[in-house]
Amino acid sequence: MPTEGKGWLQGTNLVVMTSTGRLLSGTVKGKDGLAKGLQEVLDAYAKLPEAERRATSVDGTVIPQPAPLPGGLVLTIYDRPLGRGEERTYRHPQGNDFGGLRTHAPAGQRSSLWLTEEECKSLVPADPRPGQTNKVPTKLAKRIWLYGLVPQTLWVVEGTWVANSVREGDLSLTVLEASPQTIRMRIHGAVVLVGKNGHTKEVKEGEKRYDARIEGVLVYDRAAKKFTRWDMAALGDYTGEWFAGEKRWQEATPESPMPLGFAFELDQTAYELPAERRRPRSFMHAYIFKAKEEHYWDPEKWEEDWKKQQR
């Protein structure tokens, strides 16, 4: 069991602990607070006796993180609330910029999305020509929206969407360049996600909503038969419960929505790192669909099962 220390890296959702169960703590403040806070943790760790830093044995069975699917890919996703400056450009608020307590996470929170080999192949046109536009397959588009646009800065449990949350959505790929070596494509679209707020004493019921545009660039290596770039962003207005703050029902209202952004990129290390250094799967993948992983790969099966439960 964890002992000593507080464990929290204050100002974040991180809990830090040695392999022996010794909790450590730090504080994130100001523009460079995350780096300083982590350094504070490392300094405290360095002062501990070796016996309190490294465990000599491990109880139970060590279960490594599962490997991503052969031929597929892993997208790393960052989300963060945003604000508008005087020049009407978006950026991450600091302190009381942009009208007070508009955010409570010091940096983008990280998640991921796994794609199968079949899904990757479905995005590559057989005879690519500049200007050619194809729809992203419906199931994959739903997976990107429902499992990729989950605001970790909100709070992982409260921020998830339900199976029928996609109310409107379009996602397409347009070929920008095509050569014998590579295919460069623009991914673009929009989505409206609607879900229910958590039931608490403040609000018994109500909707949360994310209305966003999606833009990005994909690059496919035809010789290697794999994607080498997936840079994509979603930007839109979020309304509803904002669990991360003290004013949770007043920070993202229809009258003053929370600008919320997501950034997607390829995890180039997913297929290279050994099991003990592999990044964990997303909350949606490893926890929400722990008992029914088939719903992670097929959101339509999830919705079908969800509707039965509603009845």
C-alpha atoms as a PDB file:
ATOM      1  CA  MET A   1       0.000   0.000   0.000  1.00  0.00           C
ATOM      2  CA  PRO A   2       1.215   3.575  -0.674  1.00  0.00           C
ATOM      3  CA  THR A   3       2.923   5.190   2.288  1.00  0.00           C
ATOM      4  CA  GLU A   4       4.234   8.626   3.215  1.00  0.00           C
ATOM      5  CA  GLY A   5       3.868  11.755   1.131  1.00  0.00           C
ATOM      6  CA  LYS A   6       0.729  13.173  -0.487  1.00  0.00           C
ATOM      7  CA  GLY A   7       1.173  11.626  -3.914  1.00  0.00           C
ATOM      8  CA  TRP A   8      -0.395  14.481  -5.875  1.00  0.00           C
ATOM      9  CA  LEU A   9       1.462  16.659  -8.320  1.00  0.00           C
ATOM     10  CA  GLN A  10      -0.704  19.586  -7.301  1.00  0.00           C
ATOM     11  CA  GLY A  11      -2.193  21.481 -10.219  1.00  0.00           C
ATOM     12  CA  THR A  12      -2.524  18.277 -12.293  1.00  0.00           C
ATOM     13  CA  ASN A  13      -4.317  14.940 -12.140  1.00  0.00           C
ATOM     14  CA  LEU A  14      -1.035  13.079 -11.663  1.00  0.00           C
ATOM     15  CA  VAL A  15      -0.233  10.859  -8.686  1.00  0.00           C
ATOM     16  CA  VAL A  16       3.462   9.990  -8.334  1.00  0.00           C
ATOM     17  CA  MET A  17       4.835   7.005  -6.415  1.00  0.00           C
ATOM     18  CA  THR A  18       8.026   4.951  -6.251  1.00  0.00           C
ATOM     19  CA  SER A  19       8.056   1.248  -7.050  1.00  0.00           C
ATOM     20  CA  THR A  20       8.184   0.554  -3.295  1.00  0.00           C
ATOM     21  CA  GLY A  21       4.909   2.398  -2.707  1.00  0.00           C
ATOM     22  CA  ARG A  22       6.399   5.626  -1.351  1.00  0.00           C
ATOM     23  CA  LEU A  23       4.200   8.561  -2.427  1.00  0.00           C
ATOM     24  CA  LEU A  24       5.901  11.723  -3.644  1.00  0.00           C
ATOM     25  CA  SER A  25       4.486  15.189  -4.226  1.00  0.00           C
ATOM     26  CA  GLY A  26       5.128  18.432  -6.054  1.00  0.00           C
ATOM     27  CA  THR A  27       3.404  21.630  -7.123  1.00  0.00           C
ATOM     28  CA  VAL A  28       2.762  23.100 -10.555  1.00  0.00           C
ATOM     29  CA  LYS A  29       2.681  26.901 -10.690  1.00  0.00           C
ATOM     30  CA  GLY A  30       3.052  29.467 -13.428  1.00  0.00           C
ATOM     31  CA  LYS A  31       4.031  29.168 -17.084  1.00  0.00           C
ATOM     32  CA  ASP A  32       6.877  26.682 -16.532  1.00  0.00           C
ATOM     33  CA  GLY A  33       5.221  24.972 -13.598  1.00  0.00           C
ATOM     34  CA  LEU A  34       4.965  21.452 -14.986  1.00  0.00           C
ATOM     35  CA  ALA A  35       8.708  21.104 -15.596  1.00  0.00           C
ATOM     36  CA  LYS A  36       9.503  22.613 -12.202  1.00  0.00           C
ATOM     37  CA  GLY A  37       6.919  20.462 -10.465  1.00  0.00           C
ATOM     38  CA  LEU A  38       8.316  17.273 -12.002  1.00  0.00           C
ATOM     39  CA  GLN A  39      11.841  18.364 -11.091  1.00  0.00           C
ATOM     40  CA  GLU A  40      10.656  18.833  -7.511  1.00  0.00           C
ATOM     41  CA  VAL A  41       9.429  15.218  -7.536  1.00  0.00           C
ATOM     42  CA  LEU A  42      12.718  13.963  -9.011  1.00  0.00           C
ATOM     43  CA  ASP A  43      14.747  15.870  -6.409  1.00  0.00           C
ATOM     44  CA  ALA A  44      12.719  14.294  -3.603  1.00  0.00           C
ATOM     45  CA  TYR A  45      13.139  10.869  -5.219  1.00  0.00           C
ATOM     46  CA  ALA A  46      16.928  11.305  -5.420  1.00  0.00           C
ATOM     47  CA  LYS A  47      17.147  11.964  -1.675  1.00  0.00           C
ATOM     48  CA  LEU A  48      15.415   8.717  -0.732  1.00  0.00           C
ATOM     49  CA  PRO A  49      17.456   5.710   0.402  1.00  0.00           C
ATOM     50  CA  GLU A  50      17.848   3.044  -2.276  1.00  0.00           C
ATOM     51  CA  ALA A  51      15.550   0.697  -0.319  1.00  0.00           C
ATOM     52  CA  GLU A  52      12.708   3.225  -0.623  1.00  0.00           C
ATOM     53  CA  ARG A  53      13.316   3.919  -4.303  1.00  0.00           C
ATOM     54  CA  ARG A  54      13.491   0.465  -5.862  1.00  0.00           C
ATOM     55  CA  ALA A  55      11.468  -2.594  -4.966  1.00  0.00           C
ATOM     56  CA  THR A  56      13.474  -5.797  -4.558  1.00  0.00           C
ATOM     57  CA  SER A  57      10.437  -7.949  -5.337  1.00  0.00           C
ATOM     58  CA  VAL A  58       6.947  -7.560  -6.779  1.00  0.00           C
ATOM     59  CA  ASP A  59       3.813  -9.172  -5.358  1.00  0.00           C
ATOM     60  CA  GLY A  60       1.498 -10.802  -7.876  1.00  0.00           C
ATOM     61  CA  THR A  61       1.917 -11.205 -11.615  1.00  0.00           C
ATOM     62  CA  VAL A  62       3.423  -8.481 -13.776  1.00  0.00           C
ATOM     63  CA  ILE A  63       1.114  -7.886 -16.727  1.00  0.00           C
ATOM     64  CA  PRO A  64       2.715  -5.797 -19.486  1.00  0.00           C
ATOM     65  CA  GLN A  65       0.753  -3.339 -21.587  1.00  0.00           C
ATOM     66  CA  PRO A  66      -0.718  -5.132 -24.613  1.00  0.00           C
ATOM     67  CA  ALA A  67       0.886  -4.527 -27.979  1.00  0.00           C
ATOM     68  CA  PRO A  68      -0.947  -2.531 -30.669  1.00  0.00           C
ATOM     69  CA  LEU A  69      -2.420  -4.456 -33.573  1.00  0.00           C
ATOM     70  CA  PRO A  70      -0.123  -5.638 -36.392  1.00  0.00           C
ATOM     71  CA  GLY A  71      -0.464  -3.400 -39.430  1.00  0.00           C
ATOM     72  CA  GLY A  72      -2.531  -0.846 -37.524  1.00  0.00           C
ATOM     73  CA  LEU A  73      -1.513   2.428 -35.932  1.00  0.00           C
ATOM     74  CA  VAL A  74      -1.847   4.347 -32.686  1.00  0.00           C
ATOM     75  CA  LEU A  75      -2.925   7.977 -32.509  1.00  0.00           C
ATOM     76  CA  THR A  76      -1.921  10.057 -29.509  1.00  0.00           C
ATOM     77  CA  ILE A  77      -4.561  12.637 -28.606  1.00  0.00           C
ATOM     78  CA  TYR A  78      -4.181  15.803 -26.532  1.00  0.00           C
ATOM     79  CA  ASP A  79      -7.087  17.943 -25.388  1.00  0.00           C
ATOM     80  CA  ARG A  80      -7.222  21.286 -23.658  1.00  0.00           C
ATOM     81  CA  PRO A  81      -9.680  24.106 -23.033  1.00  0.00           C
ATOM     82  CA  LEU A  82      -8.798  27.300 -24.878  1.00  0.00           C
ATOM     83  CA  GLY A  83      -9.433  31.028 -24.715  1.00  0.00           C
ATOM     84  CA  ARG A  84      -9.463  33.926 -27.140  1.00  0.00           C
ATOM     85  CA  GLY A  85      -6.937  36.734 -26.854  1.00  0.00           C
ATOM     86  CA  GLU A  86      -7.491  40.365 -27.768  1.00  0.00           C
ATOM     87  CA  GLU A  87      -6.611  39.534 -31.382  1.00  0.00           C
ATOM     88  CA  ARG A  88      -9.331  36.849 -31.366  1.00  0.00           C
ATOM     89  CA  THR A  89      -6.786  34.054 -31.719  1.00  0.00           C
ATOM     90  CA  TYR A  90      -7.073  30.877 -29.687  1.00  0.00           C
ATOM     91  CA  ARG A  91      -4.538  29.971 -27.056  1.00  0.00           C
ATOM     92  CA  HIS A  92      -4.387  28.207 -23.706  1.00  0.00           C
ATOM     93  CA  PRO A  93      -5.464  30.530 -20.860  1.00  0.00           C
ATOM     94  CA  GLN A  94      -3.042  31.128 -18.004  1.00  0.00           C
ATOM     95  CA  GLY A  95      -4.162  32.325 -14.603  1.00  0.00           C
ATOM     96  CA  ASN A  96      -7.114  34.691 -14.939  1.00  0.00           C
ATOM     97  CA  ASP A  97      -6.662  35.459 -18.651  1.00  0.00           C
ATOM     98  CA  PHE A  98      -9.786  35.445 -20.808  1.00  0.00           C
ATOM     99  CA  GLY A  99     -12.335  36.030 -18.091  1.00  0.00           C
ATOM    100  CA  GLY A 100     -11.342  34.202 -14.942  1.00  0.00           C
ATOM    101  CA  LEU A 101     -11.264  30.505 -14.112  1.00  0.00           C
ATOM    102  CA  ARG A 102     -11.722  29.043 -17.571  1.00  0.00           C
ATOM    103  CA  THR A 103      -9.406  26.084 -17.164  1.00  0.00           C
ATOM    104  CA  HIS A 104      -7.840  23.979 -14.440  1.00  0.00           C
ATOM    105  CA  ALA A 105      -5.381  21.750 -16.277  1.00  0.00           C
ATOM    106  CA  PRO A 106      -1.887  23.168 -16.864  1.00  0.00           C
ATOM    107  CA  ALA A 107      -1.296  21.364 -20.155  1.00  0.00           C
ATOM    108  CA  GLY A 108      -2.918  19.112 -22.709  1.00  0.00           C
ATOM    109  CA  GLN A 109      -4.147  15.851 -21.267  1.00  0.00           C
ATOM    110  CA  ARG A 110      -3.170  12.742 -23.221  1.00  0.00           C
ATOM    111  CA  SER A 111      -5.241   9.851 -24.532  1.00  0.00           C
ATOM    112  CA  SER A 112      -4.995   7.508 -27.530  1.00  0.00           C
ATOM    113  CA  LEU A 113      -6.909   5.701 -30.241  1.00  0.00           C
ATOM    114  CA  TRP A 114      -5.933   2.375 -31.816  1.00  0.00           C
ATOM    115  CA  LEU A 115      -6.727   1.657 -35.460  1.00  0.00           C
ATOM    116  CA  THR A 116      -6.810  -1.745 -37.136  1.00  0.00           C
ATOM    117  CA  GLU A 117      -4.968  -2.702 -40.311  1.00  0.00           C
ATOM    118  CA  GLU A 118      -8.295  -2.868 -42.166  1.00  0.00           C
ATOM    119  CA  GLU A 119      -9.204   0.648 -41.042  1.00  0.00           C
ATOM    120  CA  CYS A 120      -5.854   1.981 -42.248  1.00  0.00           C
ATOM    121  CA  LYS A 121      -6.292   0.316 -45.637  1.00  0.00           C
ATOM    122  CA  SER A 122      -9.800   1.752 -45.963  1.00  0.00           C
ATOM    123  CA  LEU A 123      -8.359   5.275 -45.992  1.00  0.00           C
ATOM    124  CA  VAL A 124      -6.033   4.719 -48.949  1.00  0.00           C
ATOM    125  CA  PRO A 125      -7.627   5.336 -52.381  1.00  0.00           C
ATOM    126  CA  ALA A 126      -6.864   2.670 -54.992  1.00  0.00           C
ATOM    127  CA  ASP A 127      -6.220   5.212 -57.765  1.00  0.00           C
ATOM    128  CA  PRO A 128      -5.484   8.534 -56.018  1.00  0.00           C
ATOM    129  CA  ARG A 129      -5.918  11.746 -58.001  1.00  0.00           C
ATOM    130  CA  PRO A 130      -5.539  15.297 -56.663  1.00  0.00           C
ATOM    131  CA  GLY A 131      -8.940  16.686 -55.734  1.00  0.00           C
ATOM    132  CA  GLN A 132     -10.498  13.255 -55.254  1.00  0.00           C
ATOM    133  CA  THR A 133     -12.668  13.118 -52.116  1.00  0.00           C
ATOM    134  CA  ASN A 134     -13.862  10.012 -50.271  1.00  0.00           C
ATOM    135  CA  LYS A 135     -15.817   9.587 -47.070  1.00  0.00           C
ATOM    136  CA  VAL A 136     -14.074   8.109 -44.035  1.00  0.00           C
ATOM    137  CA  PRO A 137     -15.897   4.809 -43.306  1.00  0.00           C
ATOM    138  CA  THR A 138     -18.768   5.400 -40.882  1.00  0.00           C
ATOM    139  CA  LYS A 139     -17.546   3.067 -38.127  1.00  0.00           C
ATOM    140  CA  LEU A 140     -14.083   4.604 -38.106  1.00  0.00           C
ATOM    141  CA  ALA A 141     -15.487   8.139 -38.122  1.00  0.00           C
ATOM    142  CA  LYS A 142     -17.661   7.245 -35.110  1.00  0.00           C
ATOM    143  CA  ARG A 143     -14.658   5.764 -33.309  1.00  0.00           C
ATOM    144  CA  ILE A 144     -12.692   8.972 -33.860  1.00  0.00           C
ATOM    145  CA  TRP A 145     -15.579  11.108 -32.599  1.00  0.00           C
ATOM    146  CA  LEU A 146     -16.810   8.980 -29.683  1.00  0.00           C
ATOM    147  CA  TYR A 147     -13.474   7.659 -28.410  1.00  0.00           C
ATOM    148  CA  GLY A 148     -11.060  10.359 -29.594  1.00  0.00           C
ATOM    149  CA  LEU A 149     -12.973  13.516 -28.632  1.00  0.00           C
ATOM    150  CA  VAL A 150     -13.254  12.668 -24.937  1.00  0.00           C
ATOM    151  CA  PRO A 151     -12.068  15.659 -22.877  1.00  0.00           C
ATOM    152  CA  GLN A 152      -9.604  14.280 -20.337  1.00  0.00           C
ATOM    153  CA  THR A 153      -9.312  17.799 -18.890  1.00  0.00           C
ATOM    154  CA  LEU A 154     -12.985  17.547 -17.956  1.00  0.00           C
ATOM    155  CA  TRP A 155     -12.575  14.300 -15.991  1.00  0.00           C
ATOM    156  CA  VAL A 156     -12.362  10.889 -17.580  1.00  0.00           C
ATOM    157  CA  VAL A 157     -15.512   9.394 -16.068  1.00  0.00           C
ATOM    158  CA  GLU A 158     -17.762  12.435 -16.417  1.00  0.00           C
ATOM    159  CA  GLY A 159     -16.437  13.366 -19.851  1.00  0.00           C
ATOM    160  CA  THR A 160     -17.227  10.220 -21.834  1.00  0.00           C
ATOM    161  CA  TRP A 161     -19.933  10.148 -24.483  1.00  0.00           C
ATOM    162  CA  VAL A 162     -22.711   7.573 -24.741  1.00  0.00           C
ATOM    163  CA  ALA A 163     -23.379   5.277 -27.687  1.00  0.00           C
ATOM    164  CA  ASN A 164     -25.888   7.577 -29.418  1.00  0.00           C
ATOM    165  CA  SER A 165     -24.008  10.836 -28.811  1.00  0.00           C
ATOM    166  CA  VAL A 166     -23.243  11.464 -32.508  1.00  0.00           C
ATOM    167  CA  ARG A 167     -26.135  13.687 -33.631  1.00  0.00           C
ATOM    168  CA  GLU A 168     -24.494  15.076 -36.766  1.00  0.00           C
ATOM    169  CA  GLY A 169     -21.197  14.175 -38.370  1.00  0.00           C
ATOM    170  CA  ASP A 170     -19.185  14.213 -41.559  1.00  0.00           C
ATOM    171  CA  LEU A 171     -15.568  13.201 -42.120  1.00  0.00           C
ATOM    172  CA  SER A 172     -13.860  13.073 -45.521  1.00  0.00           C
ATOM    173  CA  LEU A 173     -10.444  12.676 -47.128  1.00  0.00           C
ATOM    174  CA  THR A 174      -9.360  14.785 -50.103  1.00  0.00           C
ATOM    175  CA  VAL A 175      -6.214  13.898 -52.048  1.00  0.00           C
ATOM    176  CA  LEU A 176      -3.804  16.845 -52.149  1.00  0.00           C
ATOM    177  CA  GLU A 177      -0.817  15.193 -53.817  1.00  0.00           C
ATOM    178  CA  ALA A 178      -0.166  11.742 -55.286  1.00  0.00           C
ATOM    179  CA  SER A 179       3.186  10.381 -56.439  1.00  0.00           C
ATOM    180  CA  PRO A 180       4.632   6.878 -56.795  1.00  0.00           C
ATOM    181  CA  GLN A 181       6.163   7.348 -53.339  1.00  0.00           C
ATOM    182  CA  THR A 182       3.501   9.073 -51.247  1.00  0.00           C
ATOM    183  CA  ILE A 183      -0.121  10.140 -51.015  1.00  0.00           C
ATOM    184  CA  ARG A 184      -0.859  13.354 -49.142  1.00  0.00           C
ATOM    185  CA  MET A 185      -4.469  13.876 -48.054  1.00  0.00           C
ATOM    186  CA  ARG A 186      -6.519  16.455 -46.227  1.00  0.00           C
ATOM    187  CA  ILE A 187      -8.908  15.103 -43.588  1.00  0.00           C
ATOM    188  CA  HIS A 188     -11.815  17.431 -42.865  1.00  0.00           C
ATOM    189  CA  GLY A 189     -15.308  17.475 -41.436  1.00  0.00           C
ATOM    190  CA  ALA A 190     -17.499  18.380 -38.495  1.00  0.00           C
ATOM    191  CA  VAL A 191     -19.362  16.693 -35.681  1.00  0.00           C
ATOM    192  CA  VAL A 192     -21.999  17.451 -33.057  1.00  0.00           C
ATOM    193  CA  LEU A 193     -21.823  15.268 -29.950  1.00  0.00           C
ATOM    194  CA  VAL A 194     -24.563  15.354 -27.317  1.00  0.00           C
ATOM    195  CA  GLY A 195     -24.596  13.500 -24.022  1.00  0.00           C
ATOM    196  CA  LYS A 196     -25.998  13.685 -20.517  1.00  0.00           C
ATOM    197  CA  ASN A 197     -24.410  15.542 -17.639  1.00  0.00           C
ATOM    198  CA  GLY A 198     -23.614  13.598 -14.511  1.00  0.00           C
ATOM    199  CA  HIS A 199     -26.407  13.464 -11.956  1.00  0.00           C
ATOM    200  CA  THR A 200     -25.436  15.574  -8.956  1.00  0.00           C
ATOM    201  CA  LYS A 201     -27.129  17.768  -6.402  1.00  0.00           C
ATOM    202  CA  GLU A 202     -26.527  20.856  -8.593  1.00  0.00           C
ATOM    203  CA  VAL A 203     -28.147  19.523 -11.763  1.00  0.00           C
ATOM    204  CA  LYS A 204     -30.435  16.511 -11.869  1.00  0.00           C
ATOM    205  CA  GLU A 205     -30.380  16.250 -15.642  1.00  0.00           C
ATOM    206  CA  GLY A 206     -29.317  18.122 -18.705  1.00  0.00           C
ATOM    207  CA  GLU A 207     -27.216  17.923 -21.832  1.00  0.00           C
ATOM    208  CA  LYS A 208     -23.564  18.394 -22.571  1.00  0.00           C
ATOM    209  CA  ARG A 209     -22.639  19.249 -26.142  1.00  0.00           C
ATOM    210  CA  TYR A 210     -19.548  19.554 -28.328  1.00  0.00           C
ATOM    211  CA  ASP A 211     -19.910  21.208 -31.740  1.00  0.00           C
ATOM    212  CA  ALA A 212     -16.596  21.057 -33.605  1.00  0.00           C
ATOM    213  CA  ARG A 213     -14.813  21.344 -36.919  1.00  0.00           C
ATOM    214  CA  ILE A 214     -12.048  18.874 -37.841  1.00  0.00           C
ATOM    215  CA  GLU A 215      -9.040  19.576 -40.076  1.00  0.00           C
ATOM    216  CA  GLY A 216      -5.769  17.778 -40.696  1.00  0.00           C
ATOM    217  CA  VAL A 217      -3.213  16.193 -43.021  1.00  0.00           C
ATOM    218  CA  LEU A 218      -2.397  12.505 -43.555  1.00  0.00           C
ATOM    219  CA  VAL A 219       0.641  11.191 -45.427  1.00  0.00           C
ATOM    220  CA  TYR A 220       0.818   7.603 -46.681  1.00  0.00           C
ATOM    221  CA  ASP A 221       4.078   5.933 -47.717  1.00  0.00           C
ATOM    222  CA  ARG A 222       3.182   3.724 -50.685  1.00  0.00           C
ATOM    223  CA  ALA A 223       6.423   1.733 -50.603  1.00  0.00           C
ATOM    224  CA  ALA A 224       6.276   0.986 -46.876  1.00  0.00           C
ATOM    225  CA  LYS A 225       2.467   0.668 -47.023  1.00  0.00           C
ATOM    226  CA  LYS A 226       1.883   2.683 -43.886  1.00  0.00           C
ATOM    227  CA  PHE A 227       0.914   6.149 -42.699  1.00  0.00           C
ATOM    228  CA  THR A 228       3.880   8.316 -41.712  1.00  0.00           C
ATOM    229  CA  ARG A 229       1.893  11.377 -40.677  1.00  0.00           C
ATOM    230  CA  TRP A 230      -1.498  11.987 -39.111  1.00  0.00           C
ATOM    231  CA  ASP A 231      -1.731  15.578 -37.889  1.00  0.00           C
ATOM    232  CA  MET A 232      -5.317  16.493 -37.104  1.00  0.00           C
ATOM    233  CA  ALA A 233      -7.114  19.011 -34.914  1.00  0.00           C
ATOM    234  CA  ALA A 234     -10.681  19.406 -33.703  1.00  0.00           C
ATOM    235  CA  LEU A 235     -11.847  22.800 -32.429  1.00  0.00           C
ATOM    236  CA  GLY A 236     -15.287  23.704 -31.194  1.00  0.00           C
ATOM    237  CA  ASP A 237     -17.561  24.860 -28.390  1.00  0.00           C
ATOM    238  CA  TYR A 238     -18.296  22.685 -25.369  1.00  0.00           C
ATOM    239  CA  THR A 239     -21.264  23.288 -23.079  1.00  0.00           C
ATOM    240  CA  GLY A 240     -22.316  21.356 -20.003  1.00  0.00           C
ATOM    241  CA  GLU A 241     -20.690  20.119 -16.845  1.00  0.00           C
ATOM    242  CA  TRP A 242     -17.046  21.145 -16.480  1.00  0.00           C
ATOM    243  CA  PHE A 243     -15.999  18.887 -13.644  1.00  0.00           C
ATOM    244  CA  ALA A 244     -12.400  20.118 -13.399  1.00  0.00           C
ATOM    245  CA  GLY A 245     -13.324  23.458 -11.827  1.00  0.00           C
ATOM    246  CA  GLU A 246     -15.047  24.756  -8.733  1.00  0.00           C
ATOM    247  CA  LYS A 247     -17.671  26.549 -10.841  1.00  0.00           C
ATOM    248  CA  ARG A 248     -18.529  23.392 -12.720  1.00  0.00           C
ATOM    249  CA  TRP A 249     -21.988  24.503 -13.908  1.00  0.00           C
ATOM    250  CA  GLN A 250     -21.025  28.071 -14.802  1.00  0.00           C
ATOM    251  CA  GLU A 251     -17.897  27.703 -16.915  1.00  0.00           C
ATOM    252  CA  ALA A 252     -19.323  26.138 -20.092  1.00  0.00           C
ATOM    253  CA  THR A 253     -22.819  27.454 -20.647  1.00  0.00           C
ATOM    254  CA  PRO A 254     -24.794  27.979 -23.895  1.00  0.00           C
ATOM    255  CA  GLU A 255     -24.325  31.722 -23.351  1.00  0.00           C
ATOM    256  CA  SER A 256     -20.581  31.365 -22.749  1.00  0.00           C
ATOM    257  CA  PRO A 257     -19.347  28.026 -24.132  1.00  0.00           C
ATOM    258  CA  MET A 258     -15.893  26.625 -23.443  1.00  0.00           C
ATOM    259  CA  PRO A 259     -13.644  26.612 -26.540  1.00  0.00           C
ATOM    260  CA  LEU A 260     -12.203  23.090 -26.536  1.00  0.00           C
ATOM    261  CA  GLY A 261      -9.455  21.765 -28.789  1.00  0.00           C
ATOM    262  CA  PHE A 262      -8.048  18.318 -29.588  1.00  0.00           C
ATOM    263  CA  ALA A 263      -4.796  17.495 -31.392  1.00  0.00           C
ATOM    264  CA  PHE A 264      -4.054  14.088 -32.946  1.00  0.00           C
ATOM    265  CA  GLU A 265      -0.652  12.755 -33.989  1.00  0.00           C
ATOM    266  CA  LEU A 266       0.925   9.404 -34.800  1.00  0.00           C
ATOM    267  CA  ASP A 267       2.545   7.641 -31.867  1.00  0.00           C
ATOM    268  CA  GLN A 268       5.781   6.721 -33.623  1.00  0.00           C
ATOM    269  CA  THR A 269       6.996   4.706 -30.613  1.00  0.00           C
ATOM    270  CA  ALA A 270       3.939   2.457 -30.211  1.00  0.00           C
ATOM    271  CA  TYR A 271       5.469  -0.356 -32.265  1.00  0.00           C
ATOM    272  CA  GLU A 272       9.049   0.231 -31.129  1.00  0.00           C
ATOM    273  CA  LEU A 273       9.054   0.342 -27.340  1.00  0.00           C
ATOM    274  CA  PRO A 274       9.375  -2.836 -25.240  1.00  0.00           C
ATOM    275  CA  ALA A 275       6.339  -3.943 -23.250  1.00  0.00           C
ATOM    276  CA  GLU A 276       7.548  -2.429 -19.978  1.00  0.00           C
ATOM    277  CA  ARG A 277       7.804   1.040 -21.554  1.00  0.00           C
ATOM    278  CA  ARG A 278       4.672   0.935 -23.672  1.00  0.00           C
ATOM    279  CA  ARG A 279       2.087   3.636 -23.101  1.00  0.00           C
ATOM    280  CA  PRO A 280      -1.176   2.368 -21.602  1.00  0.00           C
ATOM    281  CA  ARG A 281      -4.324   2.167 -23.673  1.00  0.00           C
ATOM    282  CA  SER A 282      -6.942   4.900 -23.386  1.00  0.00           C
ATOM    283  CA  PHE A 283      -9.515   5.073 -20.604  1.00  0.00           C
ATOM    284  CA  MET A 284     -12.246   4.201 -23.110  1.00  0.00           C
ATOM    285  CA  HIS A 285     -10.323   1.170 -24.365  1.00  0.00           C
ATOM    286  CA  ALA A 286      -8.967  -0.277 -21.125  1.00  0.00           C
ATOM    287  CA  TYR A 287     -11.741   0.648 -18.684  1.00  0.00           C
ATOM    288  CA  ILE A 288     -15.088   1.522 -20.297  1.00  0.00           C
ATOM    289  CA  PHE A 289     -14.891  -1.448 -22.678  1.00  0.00           C
ATOM    290  CA  LYS A 290     -12.940  -3.773 -20.410  1.00  0.00           C
ATOM    291  CA  ALA A 291     -15.727  -6.368 -20.339  1.00  0.00           C
ATOM    292  CA  LYS A 292     -16.823  -5.891 -23.969  1.00  0.00           C
ATOM    293  CA  GLU A 293     -13.804  -4.885 -26.030  1.00  0.00           C
ATOM    294  CA  GLU A 294     -15.696  -5.617 -29.259  1.00  0.00           C
ATOM    295  CA  HIS A 295     -17.629  -2.394 -28.611  1.00  0.00           C
ATOM    296  CA  TYR A 296     -14.373  -0.431 -28.823  1.00  0.00           C
ATOM    297  CA  TRP A 297     -13.776  -1.723 -32.339  1.00  0.00           C
ATOM    298  CA  ASP A 298     -17.388  -1.426 -33.466  1.00  0.00           C
ATOM    299  CA  PRO A 299     -19.395   1.514 -32.053  1.00  0.00           C
ATOM    300  CA  GLU A 300     -22.497   0.306 -33.890  1.00  0.00           C
ATOM    301  CA  LYS A 301     -22.473  -2.891 -31.811  1.00  0.00           C
ATOM    302  CA  TRP A 302     -22.053  -0.702 -28.741  1.00  0.00           C
ATOM    303  CA  GLU A 303     -25.092   1.392 -29.716  1.00  0.00           C
ATOM    304  CA  GLU A 304     -27.181  -1.703 -30.445  1.00  0.00           C
ATOM    305  CA  ASP A 305     -26.362  -3.169 -27.017  1.00  0.00           C
ATOM    306  CA  TRP A 306     -26.847   0.232 -25.355  1.00  0.00           C
ATOM    307  CA  LYS A 307     -30.348   0.599 -26.815  1.00  0.00           C
ATOM    308  CA  LYS A 308     -31.314  -2.834 -25.468  1.00  0.00           C
ATOM    309  CA  GLN A 309     -30.194  -1.758 -22.018  1.00  0.00           C
ATOM    310  CA  GLN A 310     -32.225   1.459 -22.266  1.00  0.00           C
ATOM    311  CA  ARG A 311     -35.352  -0.574 -22.980  1.00  0.00           C
END
